C-alpha atoms as a PDB file:
ATOM      1  CA  UNK A   1      -2.427  -0.405   3.910  1.00  0.00           C
ATOM      2  CA  UNK A   2      -1.484  -0.869   7.520  1.00  0.00           C
ATOM      3  CA  UNK A   3       1.483  -0.313   9.757  1.00  0.00           C
ATOM      4  CA  UNK A   4       3.391  -3.600   9.971  1.00  0.00           C
ATOM      5  CA  UNK A   5       1.875  -5.785  12.663  1.00  0.00           C
ATOM      6  CA  UNK A   6      -1.414  -3.846  12.894  1.00  0.00           C
ATOM      7  CA  UNK A   7      -4.554  -5.956  12.977  1.00  0.00           C
ATOM      8  CA  UNK A   8      -6.563  -4.150  10.315  1.00  0.00           C
ATOM      9  CA  UNK A   9      -5.952  -2.926   6.767  1.00  0.00           C
ATOM     10  CA  UNK A  10      -7.102   0.559   5.699  1.00  0.00           C
ATOM     11  CA  UNK A  11      -8.513   0.998   2.196  1.00  0.00           C
ATOM     12  CA  UNK A  12      -6.429   3.552   0.311  1.00  0.00           C
ATOM     13  CA  UNK A  13      -6.225   4.897  -3.204  1.00  0.00           C
ATOM     14  CA  UNK A  14      -3.110   3.901  -5.110  1.00  0.00           C
ATOM     15  CA  UNK A  15      -1.713   6.788  -7.143  1.00  0.00           C
ATOM     16  CA  UNK A  16       1.294   5.026  -8.699  1.00  0.00           C
ATOM     17  CA  UNK A  17       2.798   1.533  -8.637  1.00  0.00           C
ATOM     18  CA  UNK A  18       6.184   0.306  -9.833  1.00  0.00           C
ATOM     19  CA  UNK A  19       8.564  -2.577  -9.211  1.00  0.00           C
ATOM     20  CA  UNK A  20      10.260  -0.458  -6.537  1.00  0.00           C
ATOM     21  CA  UNK A  21       7.234   0.633  -4.536  1.00  0.00           C
ATOM     22  CA  UNK A  22       3.877   2.363  -4.324  1.00  0.00           C
ATOM     23  CA  UNK A  23       2.473   5.876  -3.918  1.00  0.00           C
ATOM     24  CA  UNK A  24      -0.910   6.099  -2.204  1.00  0.00           C
ATOM     25  CA  UNK A  25      -3.230   8.447  -0.317  1.00  0.00           C
ATOM     26  CA  UNK A  26      -3.960   7.614   3.323  1.00  0.00           C
ATOM     27  CA  UNK A  27      -5.675   8.994   6.389  1.00  0.00           C
ATOM     28  CA  UNK A  28      -3.236   7.088   8.622  1.00  0.00           C
ATOM     29  CA  UNK A  29      -0.355   9.163   9.998  1.00  0.00           C
ATOM     30  CA  UNK A  30       2.505   7.121   8.555  1.00  0.00           C
ATOM     31  CA  UNK A  31       5.957   8.494   9.274  1.00  0.00           C
ATOM     32  CA  UNK A  32       9.119   8.150   7.193  1.00  0.00           C
ATOM     33  CA  UNK A  33      10.884   4.927   8.174  1.00  0.00           C
ATOM     34  CA  UNK A  34       7.723   3.145   9.401  1.00  0.00           C
ATOM     35  CA  UNK A  35       7.460  -0.503   8.313  1.00  0.00           C
ATOM     36  CA  UNK A  36       4.288  -1.051   6.290  1.00  0.00           C
ATOM     37  CA  UNK A  37       2.227  -3.872   4.800  1.00  0.00           C
ATOM     38  CA  UNK A  38      -0.078  -3.372   1.854  1.00  0.00           C
ATOM     39  CA  UNK A  39      -2.245  -5.467  -0.435  1.00  0.00           C
ATOM     40  CA  UNK A  40      -2.663  -4.778  -4.114  1.00  0.00           C
ATOM     41  CA  UNK A  41      -5.494  -6.471  -6.014  1.00  0.00           C
ATOM     42  CA  UNK A  42      -4.449  -7.401  -9.537  1.00  0.00           C
ATOM     43  CA  UNK A  43      -6.956  -7.103 -12.391  1.00  0.00           C
ATOM     44  CA  UNK A  44      -8.318 -10.516 -13.259  1.00  0.00           C
ATOM     45  CA  UNK A  45     -10.889 -12.089 -15.535  1.00  0.00           C
ATOM     46  CA  UNK A  46     -10.992 -15.227 -13.385  1.00  0.00           C
ATOM     47  CA  UNK A  47     -13.400 -15.692 -10.478  1.00  0.00           C
ATOM     48  CA  UNK A  48     -10.577 -15.787  -7.934  1.00  0.00           C
ATOM     49  CA  UNK A  49      -8.992 -12.424  -7.211  1.00  0.00           C
ATOM     50  CA  UNK A  50      -5.215 -12.404  -6.999  1.00  0.00           C
ATOM     51  CA  UNK A  51      -3.597 -10.052  -4.524  1.00  0.00           C
ATOM     52  CA  UNK A  52      -0.038  -9.187  -3.682  1.00  0.00           C
ATOM     53  CA  UNK A  53       0.727  -8.919   0.020  1.00  0.00           C
ATOM     54  CA  UNK A  54       3.653  -6.493   0.122  1.00  0.00           C
ATOM     55  CA  UNK A  55       6.022  -5.345   2.825  1.00  0.00           C
ATOM     56  CA  UNK A  56       8.247  -2.309   2.779  1.00  0.00           C
ATOM     57  CA  UNK A  57       8.863   0.950   4.553  1.00  0.00           C
ATOM     58  CA  UNK A  58       7.641   4.515   4.200  1.00  0.00           C
ATOM     59  CA  UNK A  59      10.187   6.687   2.388  1.00  0.00           C
ATOM     60  CA  UNK A  60       8.200   9.895   1.811  1.00  0.00           C
ATOM     61  CA  UNK A  61       5.052  11.621   3.072  1.00  0.00           C
ATOM     62  CA  UNK A  62       3.454  14.746   1.642  1.00  0.00           C
ATOM     63  CA  UNK A  63       0.182  16.603   2.251  1.00  0.00           C
ATOM     64  CA  UNK A  64       0.122  18.106  -1.259  1.00  0.00           C
ATOM     65  CA  UNK A  65      -3.136  16.727  -2.606  1.00  0.00           C
ATOM     66  CA  UNK A  66      -6.469  18.205  -3.622  1.00  0.00           C
ATOM     67  CA  UNK A  67      -8.314  16.114  -1.035  1.00  0.00           C
ATOM     68  CA  UNK A  68      -5.841  17.214   1.669  1.00  0.00           C
ATOM     69  CA  UNK A  69      -4.951  13.581   2.295  1.00  0.00           C
ATOM     70  CA  UNK A  70      -1.250  12.872   2.627  1.00  0.00           C
ATOM     71  CA  UNK A  71       0.434  11.036  -0.197  1.00  0.00           C
ATOM     72  CA  UNK A  72       2.722   8.308   1.086  1.00  0.00           C
ATOM     73  CA  UNK A  73       5.507   6.594  -0.848  1.00  0.00           C
ATOM     74  CA  UNK A  74       6.627   3.154   0.334  1.00  0.00           C
ATOM     75  CA  UNK A  75       9.214   0.683  -0.885  1.00  0.00           C
ATOM     76  CA  UNK A  76       8.430  -2.830  -2.097  1.00  0.00           C
ATOM     77  CA  UNK A  77      10.920  -5.032  -0.269  1.00  0.00           C
ATOM     78  CA  UNK A  78       9.057  -8.371  -0.124  1.00  0.00           C
ATOM     79  CA  UNK A  79       5.841  -9.712  -1.590  1.00  0.00           C
ATOM     80  CA  UNK A  80       3.822 -12.879  -1.854  1.00  0.00           C
ATOM     81  CA  UNK A  81       0.810 -13.865  -3.949  1.00  0.00           C
ATOM     82  CA  UNK A  82      -2.464 -14.394  -2.084  1.00  0.00           C
ATOM     83  CA  UNK A  83      -5.444 -16.079  -3.744  1.00  0.00           C
ATOM     84  CA  UNK A  84      -8.902 -15.226  -2.417  1.00  0.00           C
ATOM     85  CA  UNK A  85     -11.804 -17.550  -3.090  1.00  0.00           C
END
């Protein structure tokens, strides 16, 4: 995950994924309304990993988690497939 336009992605734990968006835990202080980019690695049996590069915006942020990391909900507005070799 990263704020849109940031140079570096942060590794986060995805808690839930749907066609409308994603819920994840993050140490980054995302705020509601922030544009966001995130990559999701799809399970694969092939040698090449397939990832989705997604863009959306933060719609909810909560600190209610056992690890005290905020849970962030973001929309899925655009995506593209990325193949890594």
